Amino acid sequence: MIIADISVWIPFFNRPDSLEKRVLDHLIDTNEIVLVGVVLAEILQGCRTEKDRLTLKDALCALHYLSGGQPGNLDEGGRHLI
Protein backbone atom coordinates (compact mmCIF):
# COMPACT_ATOMS: atom_id res chain seq x y z
CA MET A 1 0.00 0.00 0.00
CA ILE A 2 1.14 3.49 -0.84
CA ILE A 3 0.14 6.79 0.76
CA ALA A 4 0.12 9.64 -1.76
CA ASP A 5 0.74 13.10 -0.37
CA ILE A 6 -1.35 16.11 -1.38
CA SER A 7 1.53 17.20 -3.63
CA VAL A 8 0.72 14.18 -5.82
CA TRP A 9 -3.07 14.53 -5.69
CA ILE A 10 -3.05 18.18 -6.87
CA PRO A 11 -1.62 17.39 -10.32
CA PHE A 12 -3.76 14.23 -10.42
CA PHE A 13 -6.87 16.41 -10.39
CA ASN A 14 -5.55 19.45 -12.28
CA ARG A 15 -3.25 18.06 -14.98
CA PRO A 16 -4.76 15.09 -16.84
CA ASP A 17 -1.54 14.45 -18.80
CA SER A 18 0.75 14.46 -15.77
CA LEU A 19 2.94 11.63 -14.54
CA GLU A 20 1.17 11.89 -11.18
CA LYS A 21 -2.18 11.24 -12.88
CA ARG A 22 -0.85 8.16 -14.68
CA VAL A 23 0.81 6.74 -11.57
CA LEU A 24 -2.16 7.34 -9.27
CA ASP A 25 -4.55 5.91 -11.87
CA HIS A 26 -2.43 2.75 -11.91
CA LEU A 27 -2.27 2.57 -8.10
CA ILE A 28 -6.03 3.06 -7.83
CA ASP A 29 -6.71 0.45 -10.51
CA THR A 30 -4.46 -2.07 -8.75
CA ASN A 31 -5.94 -1.26 -5.34
CA GLU A 32 -2.57 -0.12 -3.94
CA ILE A 33 -3.39 3.41 -2.79
CA VAL A 34 -4.39 4.30 0.76
CA LEU A 35 -5.66 7.62 2.08
CA VAL A 36 -4.90 9.16 5.45
CA GLY A 37 -7.05 11.73 7.19
CA VAL A 38 -4.93 14.82 6.67
CA VAL A 39 -4.57 14.16 2.92
CA LEU A 40 -8.29 13.47 2.55
CA ALA A 41 -9.08 16.72 4.39
CA GLU A 42 -6.68 18.68 2.16
CA ILE A 43 -8.18 17.19 -1.01
CA LEU A 44 -11.75 17.97 0.06
CA GLN A 45 -10.77 21.47 1.16
CA GLY A 46 -9.80 22.22 -2.44
CA CYS A 47 -13.31 21.62 -3.79
CA ARG A 48 -15.07 24.69 -5.10
CA THR A 49 -18.64 23.65 -4.28
CA GLU A 50 -20.37 21.48 -1.72
CA LYS A 51 -21.70 19.28 -4.52
CA ASP A 52 -18.15 18.72 -5.81
CA ARG A 53 -16.96 17.97 -2.28
CA LEU A 54 -19.66 15.36 -1.70
CA THR A 55 -19.10 13.73 -5.10
CA LEU A 56 -15.36 13.56 -4.55
CA LYS A 57 -15.76 12.32 -0.98
CA ASP A 58 -17.97 9.46 -2.21
CA ALA A 59 -15.38 8.51 -4.84
CA LEU A 60 -12.47 8.69 -2.41
CA CYS A 61 -14.32 6.61 0.18
CA ALA A 62 -13.95 3.66 -2.21
CA LEU A 63 -10.18 3.74 -1.55
CA HIS A 64 -8.45 2.16 1.41
CA TYR A 65 -8.32 4.46 4.43
CA LEU A 66 -5.65 4.25 7.10
CA SER A 67 -6.72 5.55 10.46
CA GLY A 68 -4.62 5.55 13.53
CA GLY A 69 -2.49 8.09 15.20
CA GLN A 70 -1.37 5.98 18.12
CA PRO A 71 2.41 6.13 18.55
CA GLY A 72 2.52 2.33 18.63
CA ASN A 73 1.31 2.31 15.02
CA LEU A 74 4.43 4.09 13.76
CA ASP A 75 7.78 2.66 12.82
CA GLU A 76 11.06 4.43 13.65
CA GLY A 77 10.78 6.64 10.58
CA GLY A 78 7.37 7.93 11.64
CA ARG A 79 5.57 6.10 8.87
CA HIS A 80 2.50 3.99 9.47
CA LEU A 81 3.11 0.30 9.27
CA ILE A 82 0.87 -1.26 6.66
PDB file of N, CA and C in Angstrom:
ATOM      1  N   MET A   1       0.847  -1.188   0.000  1.00  0.00           N
ATOM      2  CA  MET A   1       0.000   0.000   0.000  1.00  0.00           C
ATOM      3  C   MET A   1       0.885   1.242   0.000  1.00  0.00           C
ATOM      4  N   ILE A   2       0.393   2.252  -0.694  1.00  0.00           N
ATOM      5  CA  ILE A   2       1.143   3.495  -0.844  1.00  0.00           C
ATOM      6  C   ILE A   2       0.260   4.664  -0.434  1.00  0.00           C
ATOM      7  N   ILE A   3       0.824   5.551   0.367  1.00  0.00           N
ATOM      8  CA  ILE A   3       0.141   6.786   0.759  1.00  0.00           C
ATOM      9  C   ILE A   3       0.650   7.888  -0.164  1.00  0.00           C
ATOM     10  N   ALA A   4      -0.252   8.525  -0.883  1.00  0.00           N
ATOM     11  CA  ALA A   4       0.117   9.641  -1.757  1.00  0.00           C
ATOM     12  C   ALA A   4      -0.152  10.947  -1.032  1.00  0.00           C
ATOM     13  N   ASP A   5       0.841  11.794  -0.993  1.00  0.00           N
ATOM     14  CA  ASP A   5       0.738  13.101  -0.368  1.00  0.00           C
ATOM     15  C   ASP A   5      -0.102  14.042  -1.244  1.00  0.00           C
ATOM     16  N   ILE A   6      -0.548  15.134  -0.655  1.00  0.00           N
ATOM     17  CA  ILE A   6      -1.352  16.110  -1.385  1.00  0.00           C
ATOM     18  C   ILE A   6      -0.594  16.648  -2.601  1.00  0.00           C
ATOM     19  N   SER A   7       0.732  16.693  -2.514  1.00  0.00           N
ATOM     20  CA  SER A   7       1.533  17.201  -3.632  1.00  0.00           C
ATOM     21  C   SER A   7       1.425  16.302  -4.870  1.00  0.00           C
ATOM     22  N   VAL A   8       0.959  15.081  -4.706  1.00  0.00           N
ATOM     23  CA  VAL A   8       0.722  14.176  -5.825  1.00  0.00           C
ATOM     24  C   VAL A   8      -0.733  14.278  -6.286  1.00  0.00           C
ATOM     25  N   TRP A   9      -1.645  14.454  -5.347  1.00  0.00           N
ATOM     26  CA  TRP A   9      -3.067  14.527  -5.691  1.00  0.00           C
ATOM     27  C   TRP A   9      -3.409  15.800  -6.466  1.00  0.00           C
ATOM     28  N   ILE A  10      -2.730  16.914  -6.182  1.00  0.00           N
ATOM     29  CA  ILE A  10      -3.051  18.177  -6.870  1.00  0.00           C
ATOM     30  C   ILE A  10      -2.875  18.036  -8.380  1.00  0.00           C
ATOM     31  N   PRO A  11      -1.715  17.568  -8.876  1.00  0.00           N
ATOM     32  CA  PRO A  11      -1.623  17.385 -10.322  1.00  0.00           C
ATOM     33  C   PRO A  11      -2.525  16.267 -10.853  1.00  0.00           C
ATOM     34  N   PHE A  12      -2.833  15.281 -10.019  1.00  0.00           N
ATOM     35  CA  PHE A  12      -3.762  14.228 -10.416  1.00  0.00           C
ATOM     36  C   PHE A  12      -5.092  14.837 -10.850  1.00  0.00           C
ATOM     37  N   PHE A  13      -5.579  15.793 -10.077  1.00  0.00           N
ATOM     38  CA  PHE A  13      -6.870  16.412 -10.386  1.00  0.00           C
ATOM     39  C   PHE A  13      -6.771  17.540 -11.413  1.00  0.00           C
ATOM     40  N   ASN A  14      -5.642  18.232 -11.464  1.00  0.00           N
ATOM     41  CA  ASN A  14      -5.554  19.446 -12.281  1.00  0.00           C
ATOM     42  C   ASN A  14      -4.816  19.298 -13.601  1.00  0.00           C
ATOM     43  N   ARG A  15      -4.030  18.238 -13.748  1.00  0.00           N
ATOM     44  CA  ARG A  15      -3.251  18.063 -14.984  1.00  0.00           C
ATOM     45  C   ARG A  15      -3.445  16.639 -15.508  1.00  0.00           C
ATOM     46  N   PRO A  16      -4.422  16.438 -16.384  1.00  0.00           N
ATOM     47  CA  PRO A  16      -4.755  15.086 -16.840  1.00  0.00           C
ATOM     48  C   PRO A  16      -3.633  14.363 -17.584  1.00  0.00           C
ATOM     49  N   ASP A  17      -2.644  15.092 -18.089  1.00  0.00           N
ATOM     50  CA  ASP A  17      -1.540  14.453 -18.800  1.00  0.00           C
ATOM     51  C   ASP A  17      -0.300  14.253 -17.930  1.00  0.00           C
ATOM     52  N   SER A  18      -0.420  14.498 -16.642  1.00  0.00           N
ATOM     53  CA  SER A  18       0.752  14.456 -15.769  1.00  0.00           C
ATOM     54  C   SER A  18       1.166  13.032 -15.405  1.00  0.00           C
ATOM     55  N   LEU A  19       2.421  12.903 -15.040  1.00  0.00           N
ATOM     56  CA  LEU A  19       2.944  11.634 -14.542  1.00  0.00           C
ATOM     57  C   LEU A  19       2.194  11.225 -13.276  1.00  0.00           C
ATOM     58  N   GLU A  20       1.898  12.189 -12.415  1.00  0.00           N
ATOM     59  CA  GLU A  20       1.165  11.890 -11.179  1.00  0.00           C
ATOM     60  C   GLU A  20      -0.186  11.266 -11.483  1.00  0.00           C
ATOM     61  N   LYS A  21      -0.868  11.780 -12.485  1.00  0.00           N
ATOM     62  CA  LYS A  21      -2.183  11.237 -12.877  1.00  0.00           C
ATOM     63  C   LYS A  21      -2.035   9.792 -13.336  1.00  0.00           C
ATOM     64  N   ARG A  22      -1.055   9.526 -14.176  1.00  0.00           N
ATOM     65  CA  ARG A  22      -0.855   8.164 -14.678  1.00  0.00           C
ATOM     66  C   ARG A  22      -0.499   7.193 -13.548  1.00  0.00           C
ATOM     67  N   VAL A  23       0.390   7.617 -12.667  1.00  0.00           N
ATOM     68  CA  VAL A  23       0.813   6.736 -11.575  1.00  0.00           C
ATOM     69  C   VAL A  23      -0.337   6.490 -10.603  1.00  0.00           C
ATOM     70  N   LEU A  24      -1.041   7.531 -10.192  1.00  0.00           N
ATOM     71  CA  LEU A  24      -2.165   7.342  -9.271  1.00  0.00           C
ATOM     72  C   LEU A  24      -3.282   6.526  -9.904  1.00  0.00           C
ATOM     73  N   ASP A  25      -3.551   6.742 -11.185  1.00  0.00           N
ATOM     74  CA  ASP A  25      -4.548   5.912 -11.870  1.00  0.00           C
ATOM     75  C   ASP A  25      -4.169   4.434 -11.764  1.00  0.00           C
ATOM     76  N   HIS A  26      -2.902   4.136 -12.002  1.00  0.00           N
ATOM     77  CA  HIS A  26      -2.430   2.749 -11.905  1.00  0.00           C
ATOM     78  C   HIS A  26      -2.587   2.214 -10.478  1.00  0.00           C
ATOM     79  N   LEU A  27      -2.179   3.008  -9.497  1.00  0.00           N
ATOM     80  CA  LEU A  27      -2.273   2.566  -8.099  1.00  0.00           C
ATOM     81  C   LEU A  27      -3.725   2.368  -7.667  1.00  0.00           C
ATOM     82  N   ILE A  28      -4.610   3.221  -8.144  1.00  0.00           N
ATOM     83  CA  ILE A  28      -6.035   3.065  -7.834  1.00  0.00           C
ATOM     84  C   ILE A  28      -6.576   1.809  -8.506  1.00  0.00           C
ATOM     85  N   ASP A  29      -6.234   1.626  -9.770  1.00  0.00           N
ATOM     86  CA  ASP A  29      -6.714   0.450 -10.510  1.00  0.00           C
ATOM     87  C   ASP A  29      -6.226  -0.863  -9.900  1.00  0.00           C
ATOM     88  N   THR A  30      -5.031  -0.849  -9.335  1.00  0.00           N
ATOM     89  CA  THR A  30      -4.462  -2.066  -8.750  1.00  0.00           C
ATOM     90  C   THR A  30      -4.714  -2.160  -7.246  1.00  0.00           C
ATOM     91  N   ASN A  31      -5.523  -1.230  -6.747  1.00  0.00           N
ATOM     92  CA  ASN A  31      -5.941  -1.258  -5.336  1.00  0.00           C
ATOM     93  C   ASN A  31      -4.754  -1.126  -4.379  1.00  0.00           C
ATOM     94  N   GLU A  32      -3.791  -0.283  -4.745  1.00  0.00           N
ATOM     95  CA  GLU A  32      -2.573  -0.122  -3.944  1.00  0.00           C
ATOM     96  C   GLU A  32      -2.486   1.206  -3.209  1.00  0.00           C
ATOM     97  N   ILE A  33      -3.468   2.079  -3.401  1.00  0.00           N
ATOM     98  CA  ILE A  33      -3.394   3.405  -2.785  1.00  0.00           C
ATOM     99  C   ILE A  33      -4.184   3.416  -1.487  1.00  0.00           C
ATOM    100  N   VAL A  34      -3.692   4.155  -0.522  1.00  0.00           N
ATOM    101  CA  VAL A  34      -4.392   4.297   0.756  1.00  0.00           C
ATOM    102  C   VAL A  34      -4.409   5.780   1.123  1.00  0.00           C
ATOM    103  N   LEU A  35      -5.528   6.233   1.639  1.00  0.00           N
ATOM    104  CA  LEU A  35      -5.663   7.622   2.081  1.00  0.00           C
ATOM    105  C   LEU A  35      -5.473   7.710   3.586  1.00  0.00           C
ATOM    106  N   VAL A  36      -4.956   8.844   4.023  1.00  0.00           N
ATOM    107  CA  VAL A  36      -4.901   9.163   5.448  1.00  0.00           C
ATOM    108  C   VAL A  36      -5.705  10.436   5.653  1.00  0.00           C
ATOM    109  N   GLY A  37      -6.129  10.647   6.880  1.00  0.00           N
ATOM    110  CA  GLY A  37      -7.054  11.733   7.194  1.00  0.00           C
ATOM    111  C   GLY A  37      -6.618  13.106   6.744  1.00  0.00           C
ATOM    112  N   VAL A  38      -5.371  13.472   7.009  1.00  0.00           N
ATOM    113  CA  VAL A  38      -4.929  14.823   6.669  1.00  0.00           C
ATOM    114  C   VAL A  38      -4.926  15.035   5.155  1.00  0.00           C
ATOM    115  N   VAL A  39      -4.563  14.030   4.378  1.00  0.00           N
ATOM    116  CA  VAL A  39      -4.571  14.160   2.916  1.00  0.00           C
ATOM    117  C   VAL A  39      -6.007  14.244   2.403  1.00  0.00           C
ATOM    118  N   LEU A  40      -6.879  13.408   2.938  1.00  0.00           N
ATOM    119  CA  LEU A  40      -8.290  13.467   2.548  1.00  0.00           C
ATOM    120  C   LEU A  40      -8.867  14.847   2.845  1.00  0.00           C
ATOM    121  N   ALA A  41      -8.580  15.385   4.022  1.00  0.00           N
ATOM    122  CA  ALA A  41      -9.082  16.720   4.388  1.00  0.00           C
ATOM    123  C   ALA A  41      -8.548  17.784   3.438  1.00  0.00           C
ATOM    124  N   GLU A  42      -7.266  17.699   3.076  1.00  0.00           N
ATOM    125  CA  GLU A  42      -6.678  18.678   2.159  1.00  0.00           C
ATOM    126  C   GLU A  42      -7.310  18.580   0.766  1.00  0.00           C
ATOM    127  N   ILE A  43      -7.550  17.365   0.298  1.00  0.00           N
ATOM    128  CA  ILE A  43      -8.184  17.189  -1.009  1.00  0.00           C
ATOM    129  C   ILE A  43      -9.578  17.809  -1.005  1.00  0.00           C
ATOM    130  N   LEU A  44     -10.371  17.481   0.002  1.00  0.00           N
ATOM    131  CA  LEU A  44     -11.748  17.973   0.063  1.00  0.00           C
ATOM    132  C   LEU A  44     -11.806  19.476   0.268  1.00  0.00           C
ATOM    133  N   GLN A  45     -10.814  20.035   0.941  1.00  0.00           N
ATOM    134  CA  GLN A  45     -10.770  21.474   1.160  1.00  0.00           C
ATOM    135  C   GLN A  45     -10.604  22.229  -0.164  1.00  0.00           C
ATOM    136  N   GLY A  46     -10.018  21.576  -1.152  1.00  0.00           N
ATOM    137  CA  GLY A  46      -9.799  22.216  -2.441  1.00  0.00           C
ATOM    138  C   GLY A  46     -11.012  22.247  -3.352  1.00  0.00           C
ATOM    139  N   CYS A  47     -12.099  21.624  -2.951  1.00  0.00           N
ATOM    140  CA  CYS A  47     -13.310  21.618  -3.786  1.00  0.00           C
ATOM    141  C   CYS A  47     -13.955  22.997  -3.804  1.00  0.00           C
ATOM    142  N   ARG A  48     -14.477  23.356  -4.956  1.00  0.00           N
ATOM    143  CA  ARG A  48     -15.067  24.687  -5.104  1.00  0.00           C
ATOM    144  C   ARG A  48     -16.511  24.754  -4.611  1.00  0.00           C
ATOM    145  N   THR A  49     -17.240  23.639  -4.708  1.00  0.00           N
ATOM    146  CA  THR A  49     -18.642  23.649  -4.285  1.00  0.00           C
ATOM    147  C   THR A  49     -18.905  22.471  -3.351  1.00  0.00           C
ATOM    148  N   GLU A  50     -19.972  22.565  -2.608  1.00  0.00           N
ATOM    149  CA  GLU A  50     -20.369  21.484  -1.715  1.00  0.00           C
ATOM    150  C   GLU A  50     -20.722  20.233  -2.518  1.00  0.00           C
ATOM    151  N   LYS A  51     -21.359  20.428  -3.659  1.00  0.00           N
ATOM    152  CA  LYS A  51     -21.697  19.285  -4.515  1.00  0.00           C
ATOM    153  C   LYS A  51     -20.433  18.566  -4.971  1.00  0.00           C
ATOM    154  N   ASP A  52     -19.420  19.320  -5.407  1.00  0.00           N
ATOM    155  CA  ASP A  52     -18.148  18.719  -5.813  1.00  0.00           C
ATOM    156  C   ASP A  52     -17.503  17.976  -4.648  1.00  0.00           C
ATOM    157  N   ARG A  53     -17.559  18.579  -3.462  1.00  0.00           N
ATOM    158  CA  ARG A  53     -16.958  17.967  -2.281  1.00  0.00           C
ATOM    159  C   ARG A  53     -17.622  16.634  -1.961  1.00  0.00           C
ATOM    160  N   LEU A  54     -18.946  16.596  -2.014  1.00  0.00           N
ATOM    161  CA  LEU A  54     -19.664  15.359  -1.702  1.00  0.00           C
ATOM    162  C   LEU A  54     -19.412  14.281  -2.756  1.00  0.00           C
ATOM    163  N   THR A  55     -19.380  14.682  -4.024  1.00  0.00           N
ATOM    164  CA  THR A  55     -19.102  13.730  -5.100  1.00  0.00           C
ATOM    165  C   THR A  55     -17.701  13.146  -4.948  1.00  0.00           C
ATOM    166  N   LEU A  56     -16.740  14.008  -4.698  1.00  0.00           N
ATOM    167  CA  LEU A  56     -15.359  13.563  -4.547  1.00  0.00           C
ATOM    168  C   LEU A  56     -15.197  12.705  -3.294  1.00  0.00           C
ATOM    169  N   LYS A  57     -15.841  13.102  -2.217  1.00  0.00           N
ATOM    170  CA  LYS A  57     -15.765  12.323  -0.982  1.00  0.00           C
ATOM    171  C   LYS A  57     -16.297  10.910  -1.213  1.00  0.00           C
ATOM    172  N   ASP A  58     -17.416  10.787  -1.907  1.00  0.00           N
ATOM    173  CA  ASP A  58     -17.971   9.461  -2.211  1.00  0.00           C
ATOM    174  C   ASP A  58     -16.982   8.619  -3.019  1.00  0.00           C
ATOM    175  N   ALA A  59     -16.348   9.239  -4.013  1.00  0.00           N
ATOM    176  CA  ALA A  59     -15.378   8.508  -4.841  1.00  0.00           C
ATOM    177  C   ALA A  59     -14.161   8.093  -4.026  1.00  0.00           C
ATOM    178  N   LEU A  60     -13.668   8.992  -3.197  1.00  0.00           N
ATOM    179  CA  LEU A  60     -12.468   8.686  -2.408  1.00  0.00           C
ATOM    180  C   LEU A  60     -12.741   7.664  -1.314  1.00  0.00           C
ATOM    181  N   CYS A  61     -13.983   7.582  -0.859  1.00  0.00           N
ATOM    182  CA  CYS A  61     -14.322   6.607   0.177  1.00  0.00           C
ATOM    183  C   CYS A  61     -14.219   5.171  -0.334  1.00  0.00           C
ATOM    184  N   ALA A  62     -14.131   4.995  -1.649  1.00  0.00           N
ATOM    185  CA  ALA A  62     -13.950   3.659  -2.208  1.00  0.00           C
ATOM    186  C   ALA A  62     -12.508   3.178  -2.048  1.00  0.00           C
ATOM    187  N   LEU A  63     -11.590   4.103  -1.739  1.00  0.00           N
ATOM    188  CA  LEU A  63     -10.183   3.742  -1.553  1.00  0.00           C
ATOM    189  C   LEU A  63      -9.948   3.239  -0.132  1.00  0.00           C
ATOM    190  N   HIS A  64      -8.826   2.569   0.059  1.00  0.00           N
ATOM    191  CA  HIS A  64      -8.446   2.163   1.411  1.00  0.00           C
ATOM    192  C   HIS A  64      -8.200   3.412   2.241  1.00  0.00           C
ATOM    193  N   TYR A  65      -8.517   3.336   3.513  1.00  0.00           N
ATOM    194  CA  TYR A  65      -8.317   4.458   4.426  1.00  0.00           C
ATOM    195  C   TYR A  65      -7.554   3.950   5.634  1.00  0.00           C
ATOM    196  N   LEU A  66      -6.478   4.626   5.959  1.00  0.00           N
ATOM    197  CA  LEU A  66      -5.653   4.249   7.096  1.00  0.00           C
ATOM    198  C   LEU A  66      -5.919   5.215   8.234  1.00  0.00           C
ATOM    199  N   SER A  67      -6.515   4.704   9.279  1.00  0.00           N
ATOM    200  CA  SER A  67      -6.721   5.546  10.458  1.00  0.00           C
ATOM    201  C   SER A  67      -5.683   5.145  11.491  1.00  0.00           C
ATOM    202  N   GLY A  68      -5.606   5.889  12.506  1.00  0.00           N
ATOM    203  CA  GLY A  68      -4.618   5.545  13.528  1.00  0.00           C
ATOM    204  C   GLY A  68      -4.240   6.778  14.300  1.00  0.00           C
ATOM    205  N   GLY A  69      -2.974   6.944  14.453  1.00  0.00           N
ATOM    206  CA  GLY A  69      -2.491   8.087  15.202  1.00  0.00           C
ATOM    207  C   GLY A  69      -1.902   7.696  16.537  1.00  0.00           C
ATOM    208  N   GLN A  70      -1.995   6.448  16.888  1.00  0.00           N
ATOM    209  CA  GLN A  70      -1.375   5.982  18.115  1.00  0.00           C
ATOM    210  C   GLN A  70       0.117   5.799  17.870  1.00  0.00           C
ATOM    211  N   PRO A  71       0.969   6.265  18.773  1.00  0.00           N
ATOM    212  CA  PRO A  71       2.409   6.127  18.551  1.00  0.00           C
ATOM    213  C   PRO A  71       2.852   4.685  18.308  1.00  0.00           C
ATOM    214  N   GLY A  72       2.170   3.721  18.846  1.00  0.00           N
ATOM    215  CA  GLY A  72       2.524   2.332  18.632  1.00  0.00           C
ATOM    216  C   GLY A  72       2.302   1.874  17.198  1.00  0.00           C
ATOM    217  N   ASN A  73       1.578   2.662  16.404  1.00  0.00           N
ATOM    218  CA  ASN A  73       1.313   2.312  15.019  1.00  0.00           C
ATOM    219  C   ASN A  73       2.367   2.859  14.061  1.00  0.00           C
ATOM    220  N   LEU A  74       3.419   3.462  14.595  1.00  0.00           N
ATOM    221  CA  LEU A  74       4.428   4.086  13.756  1.00  0.00           C
ATOM    222  C   LEU A  74       5.741   3.327  13.860  1.00  0.00           C
ATOM    223  N   ASP A  75       6.457   3.245  12.753  1.00  0.00           N
ATOM    224  CA  ASP A  75       7.781   2.658  12.819  1.00  0.00           C
ATOM    225  C   ASP A  75       8.778   3.754  13.180  1.00  0.00           C
ATOM    226  N   GLU A  76      10.059   3.458  13.204  1.00  0.00           N
ATOM    227  CA  GLU A  76      11.057   4.430  13.645  1.00  0.00           C
ATOM    228  C   GLU A  76      11.120   5.658  12.757  1.00  0.00           C
ATOM    229  N   GLY A  77      10.743   5.512  11.487  1.00  0.00           N
ATOM    230  CA  GLY A  77      10.775   6.640  10.579  1.00  0.00           C
ATOM    231  C   GLY A  77       9.539   7.509  10.651  1.00  0.00           C
ATOM    232  N   GLY A  78       8.593   7.149  11.512  1.00  0.00           N
ATOM    233  CA  GLY A  78       7.370   7.927  11.645  1.00  0.00           C
ATOM    234  C   GLY A  78       6.314   7.578  10.641  1.00  0.00           C
ATOM    235  N   ARG A  79       6.538   6.515   9.879  1.00  0.00           N
ATOM    236  CA  ARG A  79       5.568   6.104   8.875  1.00  0.00           C
ATOM    237  C   ARG A  79       4.674   5.023   9.461  1.00  0.00           C
ATOM    238  N   HIS A  80       3.418   5.030   9.023  1.00  0.00           N
ATOM    239  CA  HIS A  80       2.496   3.989   9.468  1.00  0.00           C
ATOM    240  C   HIS A  80       2.921   2.643   8.911  1.00  0.00           C
ATOM    241  N   LEU A  81       2.857   1.642   9.738  1.00  0.00           N
ATOM    242  CA  LEU A  81       3.114   0.297   9.266  1.00  0.00           C
ATOM    243  C   LEU A  81       1.859  -0.217   8.585  1.00  0.00           C
ATOM    244  N   ILE A  82       2.024  -0.793   7.426  1.00  0.00           N
ATOM    245  CA  ILE A  82       0.875  -1.264   6.657  1.00  0.00           C
ATOM    246  C   ILE A  82       1.017  -2.753   6.467  1.00  0.00           C
TER     247      ILE A  82
END
